[in-house]
Amino acid sequence: MPHERASLLQGTLDLLILKALSTGERHGLGVSRRIEQITDGMFAVQPGSLFPALHRLEEAGWLASRWEASEHNRRAKYYTLTRAGRRQLGEETAHWNRIALAIARALKA
């Protein structure tokens, strides 16, 4: 059965971006591909959502960036998690785990 694409719940995009960058530096398209990979194709983040979110996370101090040539020799902005970003990833992961548990309980009731 083909995967049904899901729309991102409010607040999940930041968590998925932080998680995608937890294994190392990536450019924007790489972040998008990693999100699709780690969600088993459930979420595909469009550039119109991704790039404003990357900018917002950088402004918050959770990401750092630098410009460099990509694997296709094009100029690309590469993002990494900062120490504050790693801390935020931990906090958001714990928060979403509590939400998932509460929803699972509600569905069993």
PDB file of N, CA and C in Angstrom:
ATOM      1  N   MET A   1       0.851  -1.180   0.000  1.00  0.00           N
ATOM      2  CA  MET A   1       0.000   0.000   0.000  1.00  0.00           C
ATOM      3  C   MET A   1       0.897   1.243   0.000  1.00  0.00           C
ATOM      4  N   PRO A   2       0.695   2.174  -0.918  1.00  0.00           N
ATOM      5  CA  PRO A   2       1.541   3.374  -0.964  1.00  0.00           C
ATOM      6  C   PRO A   2       1.324   4.233   0.275  1.00  0.00           C
ATOM      7  N   HIS A   3       2.377   4.954   0.627  1.00  0.00           N
ATOM      8  CA  HIS A   3       2.291   5.844   1.792  1.00  0.00           C
ATOM      9  C   HIS A   3       1.374   7.007   1.505  1.00  0.00           C
ATOM     10  N   GLU A   4       0.584   7.324   2.466  1.00  0.00           N
ATOM     11  CA  GLU A   4      -0.247   8.512   2.407  1.00  0.00           C
ATOM     12  C   GLU A   4       0.573   9.634   3.033  1.00  0.00           C
ATOM     13  N   ARG A   5       0.731  10.728   2.331  1.00  0.00           N
ATOM     14  CA  ARG A   5       1.492  11.863   2.868  1.00  0.00           C
ATOM     15  C   ARG A   5       0.671  12.533   3.951  1.00  0.00           C
ATOM     16  N   ALA A   6       1.327  12.891   5.021  1.00  0.00           N
ATOM     17  CA  ALA A   6       0.645  13.559   6.131  1.00  0.00           C
ATOM     18  C   ALA A   6       1.033  15.022   6.167  1.00  0.00           C
ATOM     19  N   SER A   7       0.124  15.856   6.617  1.00  0.00           N
ATOM     20  CA  SER A   7       0.498  17.251   6.803  1.00  0.00           C
ATOM     21  C   SER A   7       1.143  17.378   8.178  1.00  0.00           C
ATOM     22  N   LEU A   8       2.109  18.266   8.250  1.00  0.00           N
ATOM     23  CA  LEU A   8       2.827  18.460   9.506  1.00  0.00           C
ATOM     24  C   LEU A   8       1.950  19.142  10.531  1.00  0.00           C
ATOM     25  N   LEU A   9       1.941  18.595  11.728  1.00  0.00           N
ATOM     26  CA  LEU A   9       1.242  19.246  12.826  1.00  0.00           C
ATOM     27  C   LEU A   9       2.023  20.470  13.244  1.00  0.00           C
ATOM     28  N   GLN A  10       1.326  21.434  13.795  1.00  0.00           N
ATOM     29  CA  GLN A  10       1.966  22.650  14.285  1.00  0.00           C
ATOM     30  C   GLN A  10       3.119  22.273  15.223  1.00  0.00           C
ATOM     31  N   GLY A  11       4.296  22.798  14.958  1.00  0.00           N
ATOM     32  CA  GLY A  11       5.433  22.563  15.843  1.00  0.00           C
ATOM     33  C   GLY A  11       6.294  21.365  15.485  1.00  0.00           C
ATOM     34  N   THR A  12       5.803  20.486  14.607  1.00  0.00           N
ATOM     35  CA  THR A  12       6.606  19.300  14.294  1.00  0.00           C
ATOM     36  C   THR A  12       7.734  19.603  13.317  1.00  0.00           C
ATOM     37  N   LEU A  13       7.588  20.600  12.477  1.00  0.00           N
ATOM     38  CA  LEU A  13       8.625  20.895  11.495  1.00  0.00           C
ATOM     39  C   LEU A  13       9.946  21.248  12.183  1.00  0.00           C
ATOM     40  N   ASP A  14       9.888  22.080  13.214  1.00  0.00           N
ATOM     41  CA  ASP A  14      11.117  22.438  13.925  1.00  0.00           C
ATOM     42  C   ASP A  14      11.797  21.193  14.481  1.00  0.00           C
ATOM     43  N   LEU A  15      11.006  20.326  15.103  1.00  0.00           N
ATOM     44  CA  LEU A  15      11.557  19.093  15.667  1.00  0.00           C
ATOM     45  C   LEU A  15      12.201  18.240  14.584  1.00  0.00           C
ATOM     46  N   LEU A  16      11.533  18.086  13.452  1.00  0.00           N
ATOM     47  CA  LEU A  16      12.078  17.255  12.376  1.00  0.00           C
ATOM     48  C   LEU A  16      13.351  17.857  11.782  1.00  0.00           C
ATOM     49  N   ILE A  17      13.418  19.168  11.672  1.00  0.00           N
ATOM     50  CA  ILE A  17      14.631  19.819  11.174  1.00  0.00           C
ATOM     51  C   ILE A  17      15.778  19.586  12.155  1.00  0.00           C
ATOM     52  N   LEU A  18      15.524  19.793  13.441  1.00  0.00           N
ATOM     53  CA  LEU A  18      16.569  19.580  14.441  1.00  0.00           C
ATOM     54  C   LEU A  18      17.045  18.126  14.413  1.00  0.00           C
ATOM     55  N   LYS A  19      16.104  17.192  14.306  1.00  0.00           N
ATOM     56  CA  LYS A  19      16.462  15.769  14.259  1.00  0.00           C
ATOM     57  C   LYS A  19      17.263  15.455  13.002  1.00  0.00           C
ATOM     58  N   ALA A  20      16.868  16.024  11.868  1.00  0.00           N
ATOM     59  CA  ALA A  20      17.576  15.769  10.608  1.00  0.00           C
ATOM     60  C   ALA A  20      19.024  16.252  10.676  1.00  0.00           C
ATOM     61  N   LEU A  21      19.258  17.307  11.438  1.00  0.00           N
ATOM     62  CA  LEU A  21      20.612  17.856  11.553  1.00  0.00           C
ATOM     63  C   LEU A  21      21.401  17.262  12.720  1.00  0.00           C
ATOM     64  N   SER A  22      20.783  16.381  13.497  1.00  0.00           N
ATOM     65  CA  SER A  22      21.455  15.819  14.667  1.00  0.00           C
ATOM     66  C   SER A  22      22.614  14.893  14.290  1.00  0.00           C
ATOM     67  N   THR A  23      22.617  14.405  13.060  1.00  0.00           N
ATOM     68  CA  THR A  23      23.690  13.504  12.627  1.00  0.00           C
ATOM     69  C   THR A  23      24.771  14.223  11.833  1.00  0.00           C
ATOM     70  N   GLY A  24      24.624  15.533  11.662  1.00  0.00           N
ATOM     71  CA  GLY A  24      25.660  16.280  10.962  1.00  0.00           C
ATOM     72  C   GLY A  24      25.119  17.364  10.055  1.00  0.00           C
ATOM     73  N   GLU A  25      26.051  18.089   9.487  1.00  0.00           N
ATOM     74  CA  GLU A  25      25.760  19.246   8.647  1.00  0.00           C
ATOM     75  C   GLU A  25      25.057  18.835   7.348  1.00  0.00           C
ATOM     76  N   ARG A  26      24.099  19.645   6.936  1.00  0.00           N
ATOM     77  CA  ARG A  26      23.378  19.418   5.669  1.00  0.00           C
ATOM     78  C   ARG A  26      22.958  20.756   5.077  1.00  0.00           C
ATOM     79  N   HIS A  27      22.829  20.789   3.745  1.00  0.00           N
ATOM     80  CA  HIS A  27      22.240  21.965   3.111  1.00  0.00           C
ATOM     81  C   HIS A  27      20.724  21.779   3.109  1.00  0.00           C
ATOM     82  N   GLY A  28      19.990  22.818   2.719  1.00  0.00           N
ATOM     83  CA  GLY A  28      18.536  22.792   2.795  1.00  0.00           C
ATOM     84  C   GLY A  28      17.899  21.583   2.139  1.00  0.00           C
ATOM     85  N   LEU A  29      18.298  21.283   0.914  1.00  0.00           N
ATOM     86  CA  LEU A  29      17.732  20.130   0.219  1.00  0.00           C
ATOM     87  C   LEU A  29      18.084  18.841   0.958  1.00  0.00           C
ATOM     88  N   GLY A  30      19.280  18.777   1.526  1.00  0.00           N
ATOM     89  CA  GLY A  30      19.685  17.612   2.311  1.00  0.00           C
ATOM     90  C   GLY A  30      18.829  17.446   3.554  1.00  0.00           C
ATOM     91  N   VAL A  31      18.457  18.560   4.183  1.00  0.00           N
ATOM     92  CA  VAL A  31      17.569  18.514   5.352  1.00  0.00           C
ATOM     93  C   VAL A  31      16.221  17.942   4.919  1.00  0.00           C
ATOM     94  N   SER A  32      15.688  18.441   3.816  1.00  0.00           N
ATOM     95  CA  SER A  32      14.406  17.970   3.307  1.00  0.00           C
ATOM     96  C   SER A  32      14.451  16.470   2.994  1.00  0.00           C
ATOM     97  N   ARG A  33      15.499  16.026   2.335  1.00  0.00           N
ATOM     98  CA  ARG A  33      15.647  14.599   2.003  1.00  0.00           C
ATOM     99  C   ARG A  33      15.752  13.750   3.263  1.00  0.00           C
ATOM    100  N   ARG A  34      16.495  14.234   4.255  1.00  0.00           N
ATOM    101  CA  ARG A  34      16.671  13.482   5.500  1.00  0.00           C
ATOM    102  C   ARG A  34      15.343  13.361   6.244  1.00  0.00           C
ATOM    103  N   ILE A  35      14.545  14.413   6.261  1.00  0.00           N
ATOM    104  CA  ILE A  35      13.233  14.349   6.911  1.00  0.00           C
ATOM    105  C   ILE A  35      12.369  13.297   6.226  1.00  0.00           C
ATOM    106  N   GLU A  36      12.379  13.304   4.911  1.00  0.00           N
ATOM    107  CA  GLU A  36      11.600  12.311   4.172  1.00  0.00           C
ATOM    108  C   GLU A  36      12.104  10.900   4.498  1.00  0.00           C
ATOM    109  N   GLN A  37      13.414  10.751   4.602  1.00  0.00           N
ATOM    110  CA  GLN A  37      14.015   9.443   4.899  1.00  0.00           C
ATOM    111  C   GLN A  37      13.649   8.969   6.315  1.00  0.00           C
ATOM    112  N   ILE A  38      13.812   9.832   7.319  1.00  0.00           N
ATOM    113  CA  ILE A  38      13.579   9.392   8.699  1.00  0.00           C
ATOM    114  C   ILE A  38      12.106   9.220   9.029  1.00  0.00           C
ATOM    115  N   THR A  39      11.227   9.792   8.202  1.00  0.00           N
ATOM    116  CA  THR A  39       9.790   9.598   8.416  1.00  0.00           C
ATOM    117  C   THR A  39       9.238   8.545   7.450  1.00  0.00           C
ATOM    118  N   ASP A  40      10.121   7.802   6.820  1.00  0.00           N
ATOM    119  CA  ASP A  40       9.742   6.737   5.889  1.00  0.00           C
ATOM    120  C   ASP A  40       8.795   7.260   4.807  1.00  0.00           C
ATOM    121  N   GLY A  41       9.102   8.471   4.339  1.00  0.00           N
ATOM    122  CA  GLY A  41       8.334   9.058   3.245  1.00  0.00           C
ATOM    123  C   GLY A  41       7.017   9.703   3.653  1.00  0.00           C
ATOM    124  N   MET A  42       6.722   9.712   4.936  1.00  0.00           N
ATOM    125  CA  MET A  42       5.436  10.272   5.392  1.00  0.00           C
ATOM    126  C   MET A  42       5.388  11.788   5.240  1.00  0.00           C
ATOM    127  N   PHE A  43       6.522  12.462   5.467  1.00  0.00           N
ATOM    128  CA  PHE A  43       6.555  13.917   5.373  1.00  0.00           C
ATOM    129  C   PHE A  43       7.532  14.366   4.294  1.00  0.00           C
ATOM    130  N   ALA A  44       7.055  15.179   3.373  1.00  0.00           N
ATOM    131  CA  ALA A  44       7.890  15.825   2.373  1.00  0.00           C
ATOM    132  C   ALA A  44       7.754  17.328   2.615  1.00  0.00           C
ATOM    133  N   VAL A  45       8.853  17.952   2.995  1.00  0.00           N
ATOM    134  CA  VAL A  45       8.804  19.373   3.342  1.00  0.00           C
ATOM    135  C   VAL A  45       9.126  20.196   2.103  1.00  0.00           C
ATOM    136  N   GLN A  46       8.218  21.080   1.763  1.00  0.00           N
ATOM    137  CA  GLN A  46       8.389  21.931   0.590  1.00  0.00           C
ATOM    138  C   GLN A  46       9.291  23.116   0.929  1.00  0.00           C
ATOM    139  N   PRO A  47      10.048  23.626  -0.068  1.00  0.00           N
ATOM    140  CA  PRO A  47      10.952  24.757   0.181  1.00  0.00           C
ATOM    141  C   PRO A  47      10.266  25.960   0.819  1.00  0.00           C
ATOM    142  N   GLY A  48       9.005  26.211   0.457  1.00  0.00           N
ATOM    143  CA  GLY A  48       8.277  27.354   1.010  1.00  0.00           C
ATOM    144  C   GLY A  48       8.040  27.248   2.509  1.00  0.00           C
ATOM    145  N   SER A  49       8.088  26.046   3.044  1.00  0.00           N
ATOM    146  CA  SER A  49       7.986  25.831   4.492  1.00  0.00           C
ATOM    147  C   SER A  49       9.362  25.654   5.114  1.00  0.00           C
ATOM    148  N   LEU A  50      10.241  24.934   4.405  1.00  0.00           N
ATOM    149  CA  LEU A  50      11.553  24.587   4.954  1.00  0.00           C
ATOM    150  C   LEU A  50      12.443  25.802   5.189  1.00  0.00           C
ATOM    151  N   PHE A  51      12.616  26.634   4.178  1.00  0.00           N
ATOM    152  CA  PHE A  51      13.597  27.712   4.296  1.00  0.00           C
ATOM    153  C   PHE A  51      13.216  28.781   5.320  1.00  0.00           C
ATOM    154  N   PRO A  52      11.930  29.169   5.416  1.00  0.00           N
ATOM    155  CA  PRO A  52      11.581  30.076   6.516  1.00  0.00           C
ATOM    156  C   PRO A  52      11.828  29.437   7.888  1.00  0.00           C
ATOM    157  N   ALA A  53      11.572  28.134   8.008  1.00  0.00           N
ATOM    158  CA  ALA A  53      11.806  27.448   9.289  1.00  0.00           C
ATOM    159  C   ALA A  53      13.296  27.402   9.607  1.00  0.00           C
ATOM    160  N   LEU A  54      14.131  27.101   8.618  1.00  0.00           N
ATOM    161  CA  LEU A  54      15.588  27.100   8.839  1.00  0.00           C
ATOM    162  C   LEU A  54      16.048  28.476   9.304  1.00  0.00           C
ATOM    163  N   HIS A  55      15.541  29.508   8.667  1.00  0.00           N
ATOM    164  CA  HIS A  55      15.905  30.879   9.037  1.00  0.00           C
ATOM    165  C   HIS A  55      15.456  31.184  10.475  1.00  0.00           C
ATOM    166  N   ARG A  56      14.240  30.793  10.808  1.00  0.00           N
ATOM    167  CA  ARG A  56      13.702  31.021  12.153  1.00  0.00           C
ATOM    168  C   ARG A  56      14.547  30.294  13.212  1.00  0.00           C
ATOM    169  N   LEU A  57      14.942  29.050  12.932  1.00  0.00           N
ATOM    170  CA  LEU A  57      15.752  28.276  13.881  1.00  0.00           C
ATOM    171  C   LEU A  57      17.150  28.867  14.024  1.00  0.00           C
ATOM    172  N   GLU A  58      17.659  29.407  12.931  1.00  0.00           N
ATOM    173  CA  GLU A  58      18.966  30.069  12.992  1.00  0.00           C
ATOM    174  C   GLU A  58      18.867  31.343  13.831  1.00  0.00           C
ATOM    175  N   GLU A  59      17.793  32.105  13.627  1.00  0.00           N
ATOM    176  CA  GLU A  59      17.568  33.330  14.412  1.00  0.00           C
ATOM    177  C   GLU A  59      17.428  33.013  15.904  1.00  0.00           C
ATOM    178  N   ALA A  60      16.850  31.854  16.213  1.00  0.00           N
ATOM    179  CA  ALA A  60      16.665  31.435  17.607  1.00  0.00           C
ATOM    180  C   ALA A  60      17.975  30.960  18.242  1.00  0.00           C
ATOM    181  N   GLY A  61      19.010  30.787  17.413  1.00  0.00           N
ATOM    182  CA  GLY A  61      20.296  30.333  17.923  1.00  0.00           C
ATOM    183  C   GLY A  61      20.437  28.824  17.979  1.00  0.00           C
ATOM    184  N   TRP A  62      19.499  28.093  17.377  1.00  0.00           N
ATOM    185  CA  TRP A  62      19.541  26.636  17.412  1.00  0.00           C
ATOM    186  C   TRP A  62      20.320  26.048  16.243  1.00  0.00           C
ATOM    187  N   LEU A  63      20.536  26.847  15.195  1.00  0.00           N
ATOM    188  CA  LEU A  63      21.314  26.419  14.035  1.00  0.00           C
ATOM    189  C   LEU A  63      22.388  27.452  13.733  1.00  0.00           C
ATOM    190  N   ALA A  64      23.484  26.970  13.184  1.00  0.00           N
ATOM    191  CA  ALA A  64      24.514  27.838  12.616  1.00  0.00           C
ATOM    192  C   ALA A  64      24.595  27.482  11.136  1.00  0.00           C
ATOM    193  N   SER A  65      25.060  28.411  10.311  1.00  0.00           N
ATOM    194  CA  SER A  65      25.136  28.115   8.878  1.00  0.00           C
ATOM    195  C   SER A  65      26.388  28.721   8.273  1.00  0.00           C
ATOM    196  N   ARG A  66      26.731  28.196   7.105  1.00  0.00           N
ATOM    197  CA  ARG A  66      27.842  28.748   6.319  1.00  0.00           C
ATOM    198  C   ARG A  66      27.575  28.421   4.848  1.00  0.00           C
ATOM    199  N   TRP A  67      28.100  29.276   3.989  1.00  0.00           N
ATOM    200  CA  TRP A  67      27.953  29.070   2.550  1.00  0.00           C
ATOM    201  C   TRP A  67      29.137  28.265   2.040  1.00  0.00           C
ATOM    202  N   GLU A  68      28.863  27.328   1.137  1.00  0.00           N
ATOM    203  CA  GLU A  68      29.900  26.484   0.558  1.00  0.00           C
ATOM    204  C   GLU A  68      29.391  25.896  -0.755  1.00  0.00           C
ATOM    205  N   ALA A  69      30.295  25.383  -1.562  1.00  0.00           N
ATOM    206  CA  ALA A  69      29.888  24.721  -2.799  1.00  0.00           C
ATOM    207  C   ALA A  69      29.252  23.376  -2.460  1.00  0.00           C
ATOM    208  N   SER A  70      28.130  23.073  -3.104  1.00  0.00           N
ATOM    209  CA  SER A  70      27.436  21.800  -2.877  1.00  0.00           C
ATOM    210  C   SER A  70      28.110  20.696  -3.687  1.00  0.00           C
ATOM    211  N   GLU A  71      27.560  19.484  -3.562  1.00  0.00           N
ATOM    212  CA  GLU A  71      28.106  18.353  -4.327  1.00  0.00           C
ATOM    213  C   GLU A  71      27.967  18.562  -5.829  1.00  0.00           C
ATOM    214  N   HIS A  72      27.079  19.474  -6.242  1.00  0.00           N
ATOM    215  CA  HIS A  72      26.912  19.777  -7.672  1.00  0.00           C
ATOM    216  C   HIS A  72      27.605  21.085  -8.045  1.00  0.00           C
ATOM    217  N   ASN A  73      28.517  21.520  -7.198  1.00  0.00           N
ATOM    218  CA  ASN A  73      29.329  22.714  -7.421  1.00  0.00           C
ATOM    219  C   ASN A  73      28.499  23.994  -7.489  1.00  0.00           C
ATOM    220  N   ARG A  74      27.382  23.993  -6.782  1.00  0.00           N
ATOM    221  CA  ARG A  74      26.559  25.197  -6.661  1.00  0.00           C
ATOM    222  C   ARG A  74      26.729  25.742  -5.254  1.00  0.00           C
ATOM    223  N   ARG A  75      26.535  27.031  -5.112  1.00  0.00           N
ATOM    224  CA  ARG A  75      26.620  27.655  -3.794  1.00  0.00           C
ATOM    225  C   ARG A  75      25.399  27.238  -2.966  1.00  0.00           C
ATOM    226  N   ALA A  76      25.661  26.712  -1.777  1.00  0.00           N
ATOM    227  CA  ALA A  76      24.573  26.249  -0.913  1.00  0.00           C
ATOM    228  C   ALA A  76      24.872  26.634   0.530  1.00  0.00           C
ATOM    229  N   LYS A  77      23.826  26.860   1.289  1.00  0.00           N
ATOM    230  CA  LYS A  77      23.963  27.179   2.697  1.00  0.00           C
ATOM    231  C   LYS A  77      23.858  25.874   3.485  1.00  0.00           C
ATOM    232  N   TYR A  78      24.887  25.596   4.282  1.00  0.00           N
ATOM    233  CA  TYR A  78      24.943  24.385   5.088  1.00  0.00           C
ATOM    234  C   TYR A  78      24.625  24.731   6.539  1.00  0.00           C
ATOM    235  N   TYR A  79      23.793  23.894   7.150  1.00  0.00           N
ATOM    236  CA  TYR A  79      23.323  24.128   8.512  1.00  0.00           C
ATOM    237  C   TYR A  79      23.861  23.071   9.466  1.00  0.00           C
ATOM    238  N   THR A  80      24.149  23.488  10.698  1.00  0.00           N
ATOM    239  CA  THR A  80      24.534  22.572  11.764  1.00  0.00           C
ATOM    240  C   THR A  80      23.780  22.965  13.029  1.00  0.00           C
ATOM    241  N   LEU A  81      23.604  21.981  13.912  1.00  0.00           N
ATOM    242  CA  LEU A  81      23.000  22.269  15.212  1.00  0.00           C
ATOM    243  C   LEU A  81      24.021  22.963  16.102  1.00  0.00           C
ATOM    244  N   THR A  82      23.570  23.915  16.860  1.00  0.00           N
ATOM    245  CA  THR A  82      24.408  24.532  17.885  1.00  0.00           C
ATOM    246  C   THR A  82      24.176  23.751  19.186  1.00  0.00           C
ATOM    247  N   ARG A  83      24.922  24.091  20.222  1.00  0.00           N
ATOM    248  CA  ARG A  83      24.704  23.461  21.528  1.00  0.00           C
ATOM    249  C   ARG A  83      23.263  23.715  21.990  1.00  0.00           C
ATOM    250  N   ALA A  84      22.793  24.953  21.797  1.00  0.00           N
ATOM    251  CA  ALA A  84      21.408  25.286  22.166  1.00  0.00           C
ATOM    252  C   ALA A  84      20.421  24.474  21.328  1.00  0.00           C
ATOM    253  N   GLY A  85      20.746  24.216  20.070  1.00  0.00           N
ATOM    254  CA  GLY A  85      19.891  23.409  19.202  1.00  0.00           C
ATOM    255  C   GLY A  85      19.802  21.968  19.674  1.00  0.00           C
ATOM    256  N   ARG A  86      20.913  21.423  20.145  1.00  0.00           N
ATOM    257  CA  ARG A  86      20.896  20.052  20.691  1.00  0.00           C
ATOM    258  C   ARG A  86      20.035  19.986  21.951  1.00  0.00           C
ATOM    259  N   ARG A  87      20.156  20.998  22.776  1.00  0.00           N
ATOM    260  CA  ARG A  87      19.347  21.067  23.995  1.00  0.00           C
ATOM    261  C   ARG A  87      17.853  21.169  23.618  1.00  0.00           C
ATOM    262  N   GLN A  88      17.542  22.007  22.642  1.00  0.00           N
ATOM    263  CA  GLN A  88      16.157  22.168  22.185  1.00  0.00           C
ATOM    264  C   GLN A  88      15.624  20.864  21.595  1.00  0.00           C
ATOM    265  N   LEU A  89      16.448  20.147  20.849  1.00  0.00           N
ATOM    266  CA  LEU A  89      16.038  18.855  20.291  1.00  0.00           C
ATOM    267  C   LEU A  89      15.648  17.909  21.420  1.00  0.00           C
ATOM    268  N   GLY A  90      16.428  17.876  22.484  1.00  0.00           N
ATOM    269  CA  GLY A  90      16.101  17.023  23.625  1.00  0.00           C
ATOM    270  C   GLY A  90      14.785  17.406  24.267  1.00  0.00           C
ATOM    271  N   GLU A  91      14.584  18.713  24.455  1.00  0.00           N
ATOM    272  CA  GLU A  91      13.345  19.195  25.074  1.00  0.00           C
ATOM    273  C   GLU A  91      12.133  18.894  24.196  1.00  0.00           C
ATOM    274  N   GLU A  92      12.256  19.157  22.898  1.00  0.00           N
ATOM    275  CA  GLU A  92      11.126  18.924  21.993  1.00  0.00           C
ATOM    276  C   GLU A  92      10.831  17.442  21.839  1.00  0.00           C
ATOM    277  N   THR A  93      11.875  16.603  21.834  1.00  0.00           N
ATOM    278  CA  THR A  93      11.678  15.155  21.744  1.00  0.00           C
ATOM    279  C   THR A  93      10.894  14.662  22.953  1.00  0.00           C
ATOM    280  N   ALA A  94      11.278  15.108  24.141  1.00  0.00           N
ATOM    281  CA  ALA A  94      10.570  14.711  25.358  1.00  0.00           C
ATOM    282  C   ALA A  94       9.112  15.179  25.312  1.00  0.00           C
ATOM    283  N   HIS A  95       8.907  16.404  24.848  1.00  0.00           N
ATOM    284  CA  HIS A  95       7.552  16.953  24.747  1.00  0.00           C
ATOM    285  C   HIS A  95       6.689  16.109  23.803  1.00  0.00           C
ATOM    286  N   TRP A  96       7.209  15.804  22.608  1.00  0.00           N
ATOM    287  CA  TRP A  96       6.430  15.045  21.631  1.00  0.00           C
ATOM    288  C   TRP A  96       6.234  13.599  22.067  1.00  0.00           C
ATOM    289  N   ASN A  97       7.170  13.036  22.812  1.00  0.00           N
ATOM    290  CA  ASN A  97       6.968  11.691  23.354  1.00  0.00           C
ATOM    291  C   ASN A  97       5.805  11.673  24.340  1.00  0.00           C
ATOM    292  N   ARG A  98       5.700  12.728  25.167  1.00  0.00           N
ATOM    293  CA  ARG A  98       4.570  12.821  26.113  1.00  0.00           C
ATOM    294  C   ARG A  98       3.248  12.951  25.347  1.00  0.00           C
ATOM    295  N   ILE A  99       3.236  13.760  24.299  1.00  0.00           N
ATOM    296  CA  ILE A  99       2.019  13.933  23.494  1.00  0.00           C
ATOM    297  C   ILE A  99       1.631  12.611  22.824  1.00  0.00           C
ATOM    298  N   ALA A 100       2.604  11.916  22.229  1.00  0.00           N
ATOM    299  CA  ALA A 100       2.323  10.648  21.544  1.00  0.00           C
ATOM    300  C   ALA A 100       1.759   9.619  22.518  1.00  0.00           C
ATOM    301  N   LEU A 101       2.317   9.577  23.731  1.00  0.00           N
ATOM    302  CA  LEU A 101       1.826   8.646  24.745  1.00  0.00           C
ATOM    303  C   LEU A 101       0.385   8.984  25.137  1.00  0.00           C
ATOM    304  N   ALA A 102       0.103  10.272  25.328  1.00  0.00           N
ATOM    305  CA  ALA A 102      -1.255  10.681  25.692  1.00  0.00           C
ATOM    306  C   ALA A 102      -2.245  10.349  24.584  1.00  0.00           C
ATOM    307  N   ILE A 103      -1.873  10.540  23.346  1.00  0.00           N
ATOM    308  CA  ILE A 103      -2.777  10.227  22.228  1.00  0.00           C
ATOM    309  C   ILE A 103      -2.983   8.720  22.137  1.00  0.00           C
ATOM    310  N   ALA A 104      -1.911   7.951  22.316  1.00  0.00           N
ATOM    311  CA  ALA A 104      -2.038   6.486  22.279  1.00  0.00           C
ATOM    312  C   ALA A 104      -2.987   6.016  23.385  1.00  0.00           C
ATOM    313  N   ARG A 105      -2.864   6.593  24.563  1.00  0.00           N
ATOM    314  CA  ARG A 105      -3.781   6.248  25.662  1.00  0.00           C
ATOM    315  C   ARG A 105      -5.222   6.599  25.310  1.00  0.00           C
ATOM    316  N   ALA A 106      -5.421   7.766  24.736  1.00  0.00           N
ATOM    317  CA  ALA A 106      -6.771   8.204  24.372  1.00  0.00           C
ATOM    318  C   ALA A 106      -7.392   7.282  23.332  1.00  0.00           C
ATOM    319  N   LEU A 107      -6.587   6.821  22.388  1.00  0.00           N
ATOM    320  CA  LEU A 107      -7.120   5.947  21.336  1.00  0.00           C
ATOM    321  C   LEU A 107      -7.462   4.566  21.849  1.00  0.00           C
ATOM    322  N   LYS A 108      -6.804   4.141  22.931  1.00  0.00           N
ATOM    323  CA  LYS A 108      -7.113   2.832  23.533  1.00  0.00           C
ATOM    324  C   LYS A 108      -8.351   2.894  24.419  1.00  0.00           C
ATOM    325  N   ALA A 109      -8.692   4.102  24.872  1.00  0.00           N
ATOM    326  CA  ALA A 109      -9.815   4.248  25.813  1.00  0.00           C
ATOM    327  C   ALA A 109     -11.139   3.926  25.152  1.00  0.00           C
TER     328      ALA A 109
END
